[in-house]
Amino acid sequence: MKHPRRWTSTVAVATVTAAICLPSDAAVTETAPPKAVSTGEVVASDFASLVKALKGRWQTLVYYLDPQGSVSPQEAADHGEQVWRTGPGGLTLMEEEHIASRGGDQYVLALHWWDRSTNALKGMLCNNSGSGACNVDSFYRTKLNWDGKRLTVDLVFPQGTKLMLWHEEFGDITNNSFTQTGDMGEVGGMLKRVVTIHARKVAEVPD
């Protein structure tokens, strides 16, 4: 199963992540499709709070679900790293990710910015999941929302003859940690949890 945003075989206010390649027998947990969120209530000052929440260098543990539907034990987790940094003037937020996956190294680049013309967060995704590379369609197909505590990313993408939805959340954010989850399913249908990532901050990054 391939996921458009994060791992090789993974948002943004400019986010880019790499597409996930899960084991074929990986278990999943069904969740209801996310409710539509309004980005019209977000203001430019909220972008600064998003930068403050995620900026830094993070070590990650990537957990898949085992056949019984439980999180894999720690020794089976993939190890990775995320670096969130700002561009000149602090007007963009860039996510760079590397995962030392059992299926091979995976890379993601996500760009996020505040669009003054629409008063909304915008983003674009680049990954090494195939010919998509930096996919301009991800700009048009992605909806981002930051409520001051949680960042959500909804990305619509084609998979064969189906139109799929990737729903990602960055939550439980503290000064030193956050939890990232990814759910996927057909647009309008039930979504299935495919991955959970636990991140721990290991260093600050310069402006």
Protein backbone atom coordinates (compact mmCIF):
# COMPACT_ATOMS: atom_id res chain seq x y z
CA MET A 1 0.00 0.00 0.00
CA LYS A 2 1.43 3.34 -0.97
CA HIS A 3 0.80 6.60 0.77
CA PRO A 4 1.28 9.77 -1.29
CA ARG A 5 2.93 11.95 1.24
CA ARG A 6 5.49 10.11 3.24
CA TRP A 7 7.49 6.95 2.57
CA THR A 8 9.25 5.55 -0.50
CA SER A 9 7.50 2.56 -1.78
CA THR A 10 5.01 9.96 3.16
CA VAL A 11 2.62 19.32 4.48
CA ALA A 12 2.20 22.16 3.83
CA VAL A 13 1.91 25.66 5.13
CA ALA A 14 4.37 24.39 2.74
CA THR A 15 4.62 20.73 3.70
CA VAL A 16 6.24 17.98 1.76
CA THR A 17 6.48 14.36 2.91
CA ALA A 18 7.45 11.02 1.41
CA ALA A 19 5.11 8.17 0.44
CA ILE A 20 4.79 5.21 2.85
CA CYS A 21 5.28 1.68 1.80
CA LEU A 22 3.58 -0.60 4.29
CA PRO A 23 4.00 -4.36 4.49
CA SER A 24 1.30 -6.08 2.43
CA ASP A 25 -0.06 -7.82 5.53
CA ALA A 26 -0.04 -4.73 7.72
CA ALA A 27 -3.18 -4.39 9.82
CA VAL A 28 -5.16 -1.19 9.81
CA THR A 29 -7.66 0.50 12.08
CA GLU A 30 -10.73 2.09 10.52
CA THR A 31 -11.63 5.64 11.41
CA ALA A 32 -14.39 7.94 10.26
CA PRO A 33 -13.45 10.40 7.51
CA PRO A 34 -12.33 13.75 8.89
CA LYS A 35 -14.82 16.56 9.12
CA ALA A 36 -14.23 19.48 6.84
CA VAL A 37 -12.25 22.23 8.50
CA SER A 38 -12.39 25.90 7.73
CA THR A 39 -9.10 27.66 7.18
CA GLY A 40 -10.86 31.00 6.92
CA GLU A 41 -10.61 31.49 10.67
CA VAL A 42 -6.83 31.14 10.62
CA VAL A 43 -4.88 34.39 10.66
CA ALA A 44 -1.31 35.13 9.62
CA SER A 45 -0.14 35.36 13.24
CA ASP A 46 -1.09 31.70 13.67
CA PHE A 47 1.61 30.76 11.19
CA ALA A 48 4.21 32.04 13.66
CA SER A 49 2.77 29.78 16.36
CA LEU A 50 2.97 26.80 13.98
CA VAL A 51 6.62 27.58 13.31
CA LYS A 52 7.26 27.80 17.05
CA ALA A 53 5.56 24.45 17.64
CA LEU A 54 7.41 22.40 15.00
CA LYS A 55 10.69 24.15 14.26
CA GLY A 56 13.67 22.03 15.29
CA ARG A 57 15.44 18.73 14.71
CA TRP A 58 13.42 15.67 15.72
CA GLN A 59 14.25 11.99 16.04
CA THR A 60 11.32 9.77 15.07
CA LEU A 61 10.08 6.24 15.65
CA VAL A 62 7.70 5.03 12.94
CA TYR A 63 5.22 2.37 14.05
CA TYR A 64 3.11 0.20 11.78
CA LEU A 65 0.23 -1.98 12.95
CA ASP A 66 0.82 -5.69 13.43
CA PRO A 67 -1.63 -8.32 12.10
CA GLN A 68 -3.59 -8.14 15.37
CA GLY A 69 -4.12 -4.41 14.97
CA SER A 70 -1.67 -3.42 17.71
CA VAL A 71 1.29 -1.08 17.40
CA SER A 72 4.49 -2.91 16.57
CA PRO A 73 7.00 -3.30 19.41
CA GLN A 74 9.70 -0.64 19.62
CA GLU A 75 12.40 -2.91 18.29
CA ALA A 76 10.39 -3.30 15.08
CA ALA A 77 9.95 0.44 14.52
CA ASP A 78 11.68 2.31 11.73
CA HIS A 79 13.98 5.11 12.87
CA GLY A 80 14.02 8.48 11.22
CA GLU A 81 14.64 12.18 11.49
CA GLN A 82 12.64 15.31 10.71
CA VAL A 83 14.09 18.81 10.42
CA TRP A 84 11.66 21.74 10.41
CA ARG A 85 13.19 25.10 9.50
CA THR A 86 12.09 28.49 8.25
CA GLY A 87 13.07 30.32 5.08
CA PRO A 88 14.20 33.96 4.80
CA GLY A 89 12.03 36.27 6.86
CA GLY A 90 10.27 33.34 8.51
CA LEU A 91 7.63 33.36 5.75
CA THR A 92 7.96 29.69 4.84
CA LEU A 93 8.25 26.50 6.85
CA MET A 94 10.12 23.56 5.36
CA GLU A 95 10.01 19.95 6.53
CA GLU A 96 12.85 17.60 5.54
CA GLU A 97 12.46 13.96 6.49
CA HIS A 98 14.53 10.80 6.25
CA ILE A 99 13.39 7.35 7.36
CA ALA A 100 15.72 4.37 7.51
CA SER A 101 12.95 1.99 6.47
CA ARG A 102 13.09 -1.76 6.31
CA GLY A 103 12.17 -1.33 2.66
CA GLY A 104 14.95 1.18 1.97
CA ASP A 105 15.73 4.79 2.73
CA GLN A 106 12.83 7.20 2.27
CA TYR A 107 12.93 10.97 1.87
CA VAL A 108 10.36 13.74 2.06
CA LEU A 109 10.43 17.48 1.47
CA ALA A 110 7.40 19.56 2.45
CA LEU A 111 6.94 23.28 1.91
CA HIS A 112 4.45 25.40 3.90
CA TRP A 113 3.57 29.06 3.71
CA TRP A 114 0.89 31.60 4.53
CA ASP A 115 -1.08 32.69 1.45
CA ARG A 116 -2.20 36.28 2.01
CA SER A 117 -4.48 36.25 -1.03
CA THR A 118 -6.67 33.50 0.45
CA ASN A 119 -5.83 33.92 4.15
CA ALA A 120 -5.00 30.24 4.37
CA LEU A 121 -2.13 27.84 4.88
CA LYS A 122 -0.75 26.39 1.66
CA GLY A 123 1.76 23.69 0.88
CA MET A 124 3.42 21.43 -1.66
CA LEU A 125 4.88 17.94 -1.37
CA CYS A 126 8.03 16.39 -2.80
CA ASN A 127 9.09 12.80 -2.22
CA ASN A 128 10.95 9.88 -3.74
CA SER A 129 7.89 7.69 -4.24
CA GLY A 130 8.06 7.76 -8.02
CA SER A 131 7.77 10.06 -10.97
CA GLY A 132 5.71 12.56 -8.97
CA ALA A 133 8.80 14.12 -7.31
CA CYS A 134 7.74 17.70 -6.49
CA ASN A 135 4.07 17.31 -7.33
CA VAL A 136 2.41 20.61 -8.25
CA ASP A 137 -0.97 18.86 -7.95
CA SER A 138 -0.31 18.48 -4.21
CA PHE A 139 -0.66 22.27 -3.94
CA TYR A 140 -4.18 22.19 -5.36
CA ARG A 141 -5.23 18.93 -3.69
CA THR A 142 -4.06 19.68 -0.14
CA LYS A 143 -6.02 21.36 2.65
CA LEU A 144 -4.15 22.41 5.78
CA ASN A 145 -5.43 23.56 9.13
CA TRP A 146 -3.62 24.73 12.26
CA ASP A 147 -5.78 25.45 15.32
CA GLY A 148 -2.92 26.36 17.63
CA LYS A 149 -2.58 22.82 19.00
CA ARG A 150 -2.89 20.47 16.04
CA LEU A 151 -1.87 20.55 12.39
CA THR A 152 -4.03 18.55 9.99
CA VAL A 153 -3.29 17.79 6.37
CA ASP A 154 -5.81 16.35 3.92
CA LEU A 155 -4.43 15.32 0.54
CA VAL A 156 -6.58 13.89 -2.25
CA PHE A 157 -4.74 11.73 -4.79
CA PRO A 158 -5.54 9.14 -7.48
CA GLN A 159 -4.68 5.49 -6.97
CA GLY A 160 -5.53 3.45 -10.05
CA THR A 161 -9.18 4.15 -10.79
CA LYS A 162 -9.91 5.33 -7.25
CA LEU A 163 -9.72 8.77 -5.68
CA MET A 164 -8.07 8.46 -2.28
CA LEU A 165 -7.73 10.69 0.78
CA TRP A 166 -4.64 10.89 2.98
CA HIS A 167 -5.43 12.43 6.37
CA GLU A 168 -2.48 13.35 8.56
CA GLU A 169 -2.38 14.89 12.03
CA PHE A 170 0.42 16.37 14.13
CA GLY A 171 -0.88 16.47 17.70
CA ASP A 172 0.04 16.14 21.37
CA ILE A 173 2.65 18.81 20.65
CA THR A 174 4.91 19.85 23.51
CA ASN A 175 8.24 21.67 23.60
CA ASN A 176 10.03 18.33 23.21
CA SER A 177 7.67 15.90 21.45
CA PHE A 178 4.71 15.35 19.15
CA THR A 179 2.68 12.47 17.76
CA GLN A 180 1.98 12.15 14.04
CA THR A 181 -0.66 9.83 12.58
CA GLY A 182 -1.66 8.91 9.04
CA ASP A 183 -5.02 7.53 7.87
CA MET A 184 -5.99 6.63 4.32
CA GLY A 185 -9.07 5.53 2.39
CA GLU A 186 -11.34 6.30 -0.52
CA VAL A 187 -12.77 9.80 -0.62
CA GLY A 188 -16.11 9.76 1.22
CA GLY A 189 -15.44 6.39 2.83
CA MET A 190 -13.95 5.12 6.09
CA LEU A 191 -10.27 5.86 6.62
CA LYS A 192 -7.80 3.32 7.98
CA ARG A 193 -4.94 4.10 10.33
CA VAL A 194 -1.72 2.99 8.66
CA VAL A 195 1.06 4.62 10.66
CA THR A 196 1.86 6.37 13.94
CA ILE A 197 5.04 8.38 14.46
CA HIS A 198 6.46 9.53 17.79
CA ALA A 199 8.90 12.43 17.56
CA ARG A 200 11.38 13.70 20.16
CA LYS A 201 13.23 16.99 19.79
CA VAL A 202 17.00 16.61 19.88
CA ALA A 203 18.16 20.10 18.86
CA GLU A 204 17.04 23.56 17.90
CA VAL A 205 17.74 24.85 14.38
CA PRO A 206 18.95 28.36 13.58
CA ASP A 207 16.76 30.95 11.89
